[in-house]
């Protein structure tokens, strides 16, 4: 068999370790997973009820166009139905954008430490990724703009950025969009949009009428707590959505996911509650990091990137043996880990175990 030559050595995406695997590997009965930025409080009860309500229909194909969900979301966002596209998580929409726009040799611009799926999908399509160094953990928009050439097809901005958790301000983003050539698609990934409380944070969807070359990605996997159902969405001009739709597979979101997403959208009180609890969790963790003398980036999503001042992969392994799963292995940050903001009790356990690991004379891999 002869695959595409340029995919042979591509790294395989490694998600956070599942709880069951860690329990089995280390003989643990209790494990806390703070590795994948999931909502520790789960989905709204109404979303669970909606799933049960469609179980009798699972022998039928889902609505391939998600008509009812599209209509409800469009009304909530103040956009037209033909400006919305749903995917199997926003990850799939990233893949669809790459499929729709990249030819081998095209260039795409992203930060050098950001969501890895941008680069992996560009690699699959044979595009060239131009990775621009972060500046204090934040997208350096001036340098990204300077990297634009006639070969540039897509620019990716993760806001808040994963893994650093930093944000690009409204003023900075608008100035950037004003300067980007209209022929270049700017993809604004707002997976953690609902968590942000900073008044300087831009609402990408509000910018769409001004910038026809802007696409905004959001998801139900994070604050809505529907990660296992894999449903996310993109919002852009009708022309851009049509192009992406032309390479989308049919029935790419399930009936269960669509029903749960509709119920979740209509339970904004639950979203607000999760946002408030997350904000309190950020304060809790940052206070503990200050006490321990650890540096960290300002957190605007539901995770914090913190410098543990020891090899991060070793700290990750030691924490896992103690029943706490975090995320490490960020190439440009060899001593930093990313931890999801958990419940107050989960955060206390994490800090207790982290402090114990850091107080050891040496960390054993």
Protein backbone atom coordinates (compact mmCIF):
# COMPACT_ATOMS: atom_id res chain seq x y z
CA UNK A 1 0.00 0.00 0.00
CA UNK A 2 1.24 3.47 -0.86
CA UNK A 3 -0.19 6.31 1.25
CA UNK A 4 0.42 9.98 0.62
CA UNK A 5 4.18 10.36 1.20
CA UNK A 6 3.76 13.42 3.42
CA UNK A 7 1.53 11.65 5.96
CA UNK A 8 3.82 8.70 6.71
CA UNK A 9 5.67 10.38 9.57
CA UNK A 10 2.87 12.56 10.90
CA UNK A 11 2.43 12.32 14.69
CA UNK A 12 -0.82 10.79 15.92
CA UNK A 13 -2.87 13.07 18.19
CA UNK A 14 -2.66 11.90 21.80
CA UNK A 15 -5.70 12.82 23.91
CA UNK A 16 -5.63 13.01 27.69
CA UNK A 17 -5.36 9.59 29.34
CA UNK A 18 -8.76 8.08 30.18
CA UNK A 19 -9.63 7.50 33.82
CA UNK A 20 -10.11 3.74 33.41
CA UNK A 21 -6.66 3.24 31.91
CA UNK A 22 -5.00 5.11 34.77
CA UNK A 23 -6.98 3.18 37.38
CA UNK A 24 -5.91 -0.12 35.85
CA UNK A 25 -2.27 0.87 35.31
CA UNK A 26 -1.67 2.10 38.85
CA UNK A 27 -4.23 0.10 40.80
CA UNK A 28 -6.20 3.17 41.82
CA UNK A 29 -9.84 3.32 42.84
CA UNK A 30 -10.20 7.10 42.60
CA UNK A 31 -8.82 9.18 39.73
CA UNK A 32 -9.43 12.84 38.90
CA UNK A 33 -9.08 13.82 35.24
CA UNK A 34 -8.01 17.42 34.73
CA UNK A 35 -6.38 16.92 31.35
CA UNK A 36 -8.90 17.58 28.57
CA UNK A 37 -10.69 20.78 29.62
CA UNK A 38 -14.02 19.02 30.15
CA UNK A 39 -16.77 20.53 32.27
CA UNK A 40 -16.42 18.90 35.73
CA UNK A 41 -20.13 19.49 36.39
CA UNK A 42 -21.30 17.67 33.28
CA UNK A 43 -24.18 18.70 31.01
CA UNK A 44 -27.39 20.37 32.09
CA UNK A 45 -30.10 17.97 33.34
CA UNK A 46 -32.27 19.14 30.47
CA UNK A 47 -29.65 17.95 27.97
CA UNK A 48 -29.60 14.49 29.58
CA UNK A 49 -33.38 14.35 29.39
CA UNK A 50 -33.28 15.33 25.72
CA UNK A 51 -30.97 12.42 24.95
CA UNK A 52 -33.39 9.98 26.57
CA UNK A 53 -36.18 11.52 24.56
CA UNK A 54 -34.68 10.46 21.22
CA UNK A 55 -33.47 6.97 22.12
CA UNK A 56 -36.43 5.41 20.34
CA UNK A 57 -35.26 7.07 17.11
CA UNK A 58 -31.71 5.72 16.99
CA UNK A 59 -32.59 3.28 14.20
CA UNK A 60 -33.17 6.29 11.95
CA UNK A 61 -30.57 8.49 10.31
CA UNK A 62 -30.28 11.92 11.90
CA UNK A 63 -31.24 15.16 10.21
CA UNK A 64 -28.20 15.63 7.99
CA UNK A 65 -28.69 19.41 7.95
CA UNK A 66 -29.57 19.76 11.66
CA UNK A 67 -32.44 22.04 10.60
CA UNK A 68 -34.07 22.59 13.99
CA UNK A 69 -30.79 23.09 15.84
CA UNK A 70 -29.56 25.43 13.12
CA UNK A 71 -32.69 27.56 13.35
CA UNK A 72 -32.53 27.82 17.13
CA UNK A 73 -28.82 28.63 17.15
CA UNK A 74 -29.18 31.21 14.36
CA UNK A 75 -31.90 32.99 16.33
CA UNK A 76 -29.75 33.03 19.46
CA UNK A 77 -26.66 34.30 17.62
CA UNK A 78 -28.47 36.80 15.41
CA UNK A 79 -27.26 35.28 12.13
CA UNK A 80 -28.95 33.58 9.18
CA UNK A 81 -29.40 29.83 8.96
CA UNK A 82 -27.07 29.60 5.95
CA UNK A 83 -24.24 31.05 8.02
CA UNK A 84 -24.01 27.98 10.28
CA UNK A 85 -22.35 24.61 9.80
CA UNK A 86 -22.31 21.77 12.34
CA UNK A 87 -19.58 19.20 12.72
CA UNK A 88 -18.47 16.21 14.74
CA UNK A 89 -16.92 18.60 17.24
CA UNK A 90 -15.29 21.79 15.99
CA UNK A 91 -12.31 19.51 15.20
CA UNK A 92 -14.17 18.21 12.17
CA UNK A 93 -14.85 21.72 10.93
CA UNK A 94 -11.12 22.45 11.14
CA UNK A 95 -10.53 19.36 9.00
CA UNK A 96 -13.24 20.43 6.55
CA UNK A 97 -11.70 23.90 6.20
CA UNK A 98 -8.35 22.31 5.41
CA UNK A 99 -10.02 19.96 2.90
CA UNK A 100 -11.89 22.80 1.23
CA UNK A 101 -9.11 25.36 0.93
CA UNK A 102 -5.64 23.78 0.91
CA UNK A 103 -3.71 22.59 -2.10
CA UNK A 104 -0.20 21.17 -1.68
CA UNK A 105 2.23 24.05 -1.23
CA UNK A 106 -0.34 26.52 0.10
CA UNK A 107 0.67 28.33 3.27
CA UNK A 108 -1.23 28.63 6.53
CA UNK A 109 -0.30 30.72 9.55
CA UNK A 110 -0.75 29.83 13.23
CA UNK A 111 0.98 30.32 16.58
CA UNK A 112 3.90 28.06 17.40
CA UNK A 113 2.13 26.75 20.52
CA UNK A 114 -1.57 26.41 19.91
CA UNK A 115 -4.21 23.76 19.19
CA UNK A 116 -2.27 21.08 17.31
CA UNK A 117 -5.17 20.08 15.06
CA UNK A 118 -4.64 23.14 12.84
CA UNK A 119 -1.18 21.97 11.81
CA UNK A 120 -2.03 18.27 11.58
CA UNK A 121 -4.85 18.94 9.11
CA UNK A 122 -2.68 21.30 7.09
CA UNK A 123 -0.01 18.58 6.97
CA UNK A 124 -2.55 16.03 5.72
CA UNK A 125 -3.46 18.32 2.83
CA UNK A 126 0.18 19.08 2.01
CA UNK A 127 0.00 22.73 3.07
CA UNK A 128 2.97 24.51 4.64
CA UNK A 129 2.45 25.66 8.23
CA UNK A 130 4.08 28.96 9.19
CA UNK A 131 4.32 28.88 12.99
CA UNK A 132 4.75 32.30 14.58
CA UNK A 133 6.17 32.42 18.13
CA UNK A 134 3.80 33.48 20.88
CA UNK A 135 4.57 36.72 22.69
CA UNK A 136 4.15 36.34 26.45
CA UNK A 137 1.96 33.33 25.77
CA UNK A 138 -0.33 35.33 23.45
CA UNK A 139 -0.73 35.41 19.67
CA UNK A 140 1.70 37.92 18.14
CA UNK A 141 -0.71 39.35 15.58
CA UNK A 142 1.79 41.83 14.13
CA UNK A 143 4.25 39.04 13.35
CA UNK A 144 1.47 36.83 12.00
CA UNK A 145 0.40 39.63 9.68
CA UNK A 146 4.01 40.09 8.54
CA UNK A 147 4.14 36.39 7.64
CA UNK A 148 1.31 36.70 5.09
CA UNK A 149 2.37 36.04 1.50
CA UNK A 150 0.56 35.48 -1.77
CA UNK A 151 0.54 31.76 -0.87
CA UNK A 152 -1.34 32.28 2.42
CA UNK A 153 -4.78 30.67 2.44
CA UNK A 154 -5.82 30.47 6.12
CA UNK A 155 -4.77 32.07 9.41
CA UNK A 156 -5.76 30.34 12.67
CA UNK A 157 -6.31 32.27 15.90
CA UNK A 158 -7.27 30.30 19.00
CA UNK A 159 -8.93 32.72 21.41
CA UNK A 160 -8.55 31.88 24.30
CA UNK A 161 -5.43 30.08 23.17
CA UNK A 162 -5.03 26.41 23.95
CA UNK A 163 -2.82 25.60 25.87
CA UNK A 164 -1.77 28.97 27.31
CA UNK A 165 -5.28 30.29 28.06
CA UNK A 166 -4.44 33.85 26.99
CA UNK A 167 -6.69 36.07 24.89
CA UNK A 168 -6.35 38.51 22.02
CA UNK A 169 -8.16 41.76 22.80
CA UNK A 170 -11.00 43.20 20.74
CA UNK A 171 -8.95 46.20 19.57
CA UNK A 172 -5.97 44.05 18.57
CA UNK A 173 -8.15 41.59 16.69
CA UNK A 174 -10.04 44.26 14.78
CA UNK A 175 -6.83 46.01 13.78
CA UNK A 176 -5.49 42.67 12.56
CA UNK A 177 -8.61 41.84 10.58
CA UNK A 178 -8.55 45.30 9.00
CA UNK A 179 -5.07 44.56 7.64
CA UNK A 180 -5.46 40.95 6.50
CA UNK A 181 -6.05 40.61 2.73
CA UNK A 182 -9.67 39.77 1.95
CA UNK A 183 -8.47 36.69 0.03
CA UNK A 184 -7.16 35.10 3.26
CA UNK A 185 -9.58 33.24 5.52
CA UNK A 186 -9.14 34.00 9.22
CA UNK A 187 -10.44 31.21 11.46
CA UNK A 188 -11.20 32.38 14.99
CA UNK A 189 -11.45 29.37 17.27
CA UNK A 190 -13.63 30.31 20.25
CA UNK A 191 -14.03 26.87 21.83
CA UNK A 192 -13.87 28.46 25.30
CA UNK A 193 -15.91 31.56 24.46
CA UNK A 194 -18.60 30.98 27.10
CA UNK A 195 -16.05 30.85 29.92
CA UNK A 196 -14.46 34.26 29.31
CA UNK A 197 -15.40 37.10 31.65
CA UNK A 198 -12.84 39.72 30.52
CA UNK A 199 -14.53 42.82 29.03
CA UNK A 200 -11.68 43.17 26.49
CA UNK A 201 -12.54 39.82 24.92
CA UNK A 202 -14.06 40.11 21.43
CA UNK A 203 -17.21 38.34 20.28
CA UNK A 204 -16.14 36.94 16.92
CA UNK A 205 -19.67 36.43 15.66
CA UNK A 206 -20.43 40.14 16.18
CA UNK A 207 -17.54 40.89 13.80
CA UNK A 208 -18.84 38.76 10.93
CA UNK A 209 -20.84 41.53 9.19
CA UNK A 210 -17.63 43.57 8.88
CA UNK A 211 -15.28 40.80 7.77
CA UNK A 212 -16.46 38.44 5.02
CA UNK A 213 -13.21 36.47 5.30
CA UNK A 214 -13.78 35.56 8.97
CA UNK A 215 -15.02 32.19 10.26
CA UNK A 216 -15.78 31.55 13.93
CA UNK A 217 -15.69 28.11 15.56
CA UNK A 218 -17.47 27.16 18.78
CA UNK A 219 -18.36 23.89 20.46
CA UNK A 220 -20.74 22.10 22.79
CA UNK A 221 -17.85 20.06 24.21
CA UNK A 222 -16.67 22.54 26.82
CA UNK A 223 -19.04 24.59 28.99
CA UNK A 224 -22.09 22.69 27.68
CA UNK A 225 -20.56 19.41 28.87
CA UNK A 226 -21.35 17.37 25.73
CA UNK A 227 -17.82 16.31 24.80
CA UNK A 228 -18.74 12.63 24.34
CA UNK A 229 -21.45 13.54 21.80
CA UNK A 230 -19.00 15.40 19.51
CA UNK A 231 -20.87 18.41 18.23
CA UNK A 232 -19.48 21.82 17.37
CA UNK A 233 -20.22 24.52 14.84
CA UNK A 234 -18.80 27.16 12.55
CA UNK A 235 -20.32 30.53 11.69
CA UNK A 236 -19.25 32.58 8.66
CA UNK A 237 -20.59 34.28 5.56
CA UNK A 238 -22.97 32.12 3.49
CA UNK A 239 -20.36 31.80 0.75
CA UNK A 240 -17.71 30.43 3.08
CA UNK A 241 -20.17 28.04 4.73
CA UNK A 242 -21.28 26.75 1.32
CA UNK A 243 -17.68 25.97 0.34
CA UNK A 244 -17.07 24.05 3.56
CA UNK A 245 -20.42 22.27 3.25
CA UNK A 246 -19.43 20.95 -0.16
CA UNK A 247 -16.74 18.74 1.42
CA UNK A 248 -18.76 17.70 4.48
CA UNK A 249 -19.83 14.09 4.82
CA UNK A 250 -23.60 13.49 5.26
CA UNK A 251 -25.01 12.72 8.71
CA UNK A 252 -21.90 14.00 10.49
CA UNK A 253 -23.75 14.83 13.73
CA UNK A 254 -26.01 12.42 15.58
CA UNK A 255 -29.64 12.79 16.57
CA UNK A 256 -28.62 12.45 20.22
CA UNK A 257 -26.06 15.24 19.87
CA UNK A 258 -28.51 17.54 18.09
CA UNK A 259 -31.22 17.00 20.71
CA UNK A 260 -28.83 17.54 23.61
CA UNK A 261 -27.38 20.66 22.00
CA UNK A 262 -30.84 22.17 21.52
CA UNK A 263 -31.71 21.57 25.17
CA UNK A 264 -28.34 22.91 26.33
CA UNK A 265 -28.77 26.09 24.31
CA UNK A 266 -32.07 26.74 26.04
CA UNK A 267 -30.60 26.35 29.52
CA UNK A 268 -28.40 29.43 29.72
CA UNK A 269 -28.90 29.61 33.47
CA UNK A 270 -26.85 26.42 33.73
CA UNK A 271 -24.17 27.90 31.46
CA UNK A 272 -23.96 30.97 33.70
CA UNK A 273 -23.69 28.77 36.78
CA UNK A 274 -20.81 26.80 35.24
CA UNK A 275 -19.08 30.04 34.19
CA UNK A 276 -19.31 31.43 37.72
CA UNK A 277 -18.04 28.22 39.31
CA UNK A 278 -15.17 28.11 36.83
CA UNK A 279 -14.22 31.70 37.64
CA UNK A 280 -14.10 30.84 41.32
CA UNK A 281 -11.97 27.81 40.50
CA UNK A 282 -9.48 29.97 38.62
CA UNK A 283 -9.13 32.24 41.64
CA UNK A 284 -8.69 29.19 43.87
CA UNK A 285 -5.92 27.67 41.74
CA UNK A 286 -4.13 30.95 41.06
CA UNK A 287 -4.08 31.68 44.78
CA UNK A 288 -2.47 28.31 45.44
CA UNK A 289 0.08 28.81 42.65
CA UNK A 290 0.97 32.18 44.18
CA UNK A 291 1.45 30.50 47.55
CA UNK A 292 3.73 27.91 45.95
CA UNK A 293 5.65 30.58 44.03
CA UNK A 294 4.73 29.16 40.63
CA UNK A 295 4.38 31.27 37.49
CA UNK A 296 1.28 30.86 35.33
CA UNK A 297 -0.46 32.52 32.42
CA UNK A 298 -3.66 34.51 32.97
CA UNK A 299 -6.50 32.03 32.55
CA UNK A 300 -9.51 32.92 30.41
CA UNK A 301 -10.86 29.46 29.58
CA UNK A 302 -11.41 26.54 31.93
CA UNK A 303 -7.74 25.63 32.28
CA UNK A 304 -4.49 27.12 33.54
CA UNK A 305 -0.95 26.68 32.22
CA UNK A 306 1.53 26.69 35.09
CA UNK A 307 5.31 26.39 35.32
CA UNK A 308 6.07 23.57 37.78
CA UNK A 309 9.85 24.25 37.50
CA UNK A 310 10.66 20.59 36.94
CA UNK A 311 10.40 18.45 33.81
CA UNK A 312 6.68 18.56 33.10
CA UNK A 313 6.48 15.00 31.78
CA UNK A 314 7.97 13.71 35.04
CA UNK A 315 5.53 15.75 37.13
CA UNK A 316 2.71 14.45 34.93
CA UNK A 317 3.76 10.86 35.62
CA UNK A 318 4.06 11.41 39.35
CA UNK A 319 0.67 13.08 39.54
CA UNK A 320 -0.88 10.25 37.55
CA UNK A 321 0.48 7.70 40.02
CA UNK A 322 -1.28 9.73 42.69
CA UNK A 323 -4.58 9.66 40.83
CA UNK A 324 -4.54 13.09 39.15
CA UNK A 325 -4.35 13.39 35.36
CA UNK A 326 -3.12 16.70 33.89
CA UNK A 327 -1.57 17.51 30.51
CA UNK A 328 2.11 17.89 29.70
CA UNK A 329 4.34 17.50 26.67
CA UNK A 330 4.08 21.00 25.21
CA UNK A 331 7.35 21.13 23.30
CA UNK A 332 8.16 24.80 23.83
CA UNK A 333 7.19 24.63 27.50
CA UNK A 334 9.19 21.71 28.94
CA UNK A 335 8.47 22.63 32.58
CA UNK A 336 4.83 23.67 32.19
CA UNK A 337 1.66 21.64 32.67
CA UNK A 338 -1.90 22.48 31.70
CA UNK A 339 -4.55 21.73 34.28
CA UNK A 340 -8.29 21.88 33.77
CA UNK A 341 -10.16 23.92 36.37
CA UNK A 342 -12.10 21.30 38.29
CA UNK A 343 -14.61 21.48 41.10
CA UNK A 344 -13.42 23.07 44.35
CA UNK A 345 -12.70 19.61 45.80
CA UNK A 346 -10.89 18.40 42.67
CA UNK A 347 -8.76 21.54 42.72
CA UNK A 348 -7.86 20.93 46.37
CA UNK A 349 -6.79 17.36 45.63
CA UNK A 350 -4.71 18.49 42.66
CA UNK A 351 -2.91 21.16 44.69
CA UNK A 352 -2.28 18.73 47.55
CA UNK A 353 -0.73 16.15 45.22
CA UNK A 354 1.18 18.74 43.17
CA UNK A 355 2.70 20.21 46.31
CA UNK A 356 3.75 16.74 47.45
CA UNK A 357 5.42 16.06 44.10
CA UNK A 358 7.21 19.42 44.05
CA UNK A 359 8.54 18.91 47.56
CA UNK A 360 10.27 15.68 46.61
CA UNK A 361 14.01 16.05 46.12
CA UNK A 362 13.79 14.52 42.67
CA UNK A 363 10.94 13.54 40.42
CA UNK A 364 11.12 9.98 39.18
CA UNK A 365 9.84 9.35 35.67
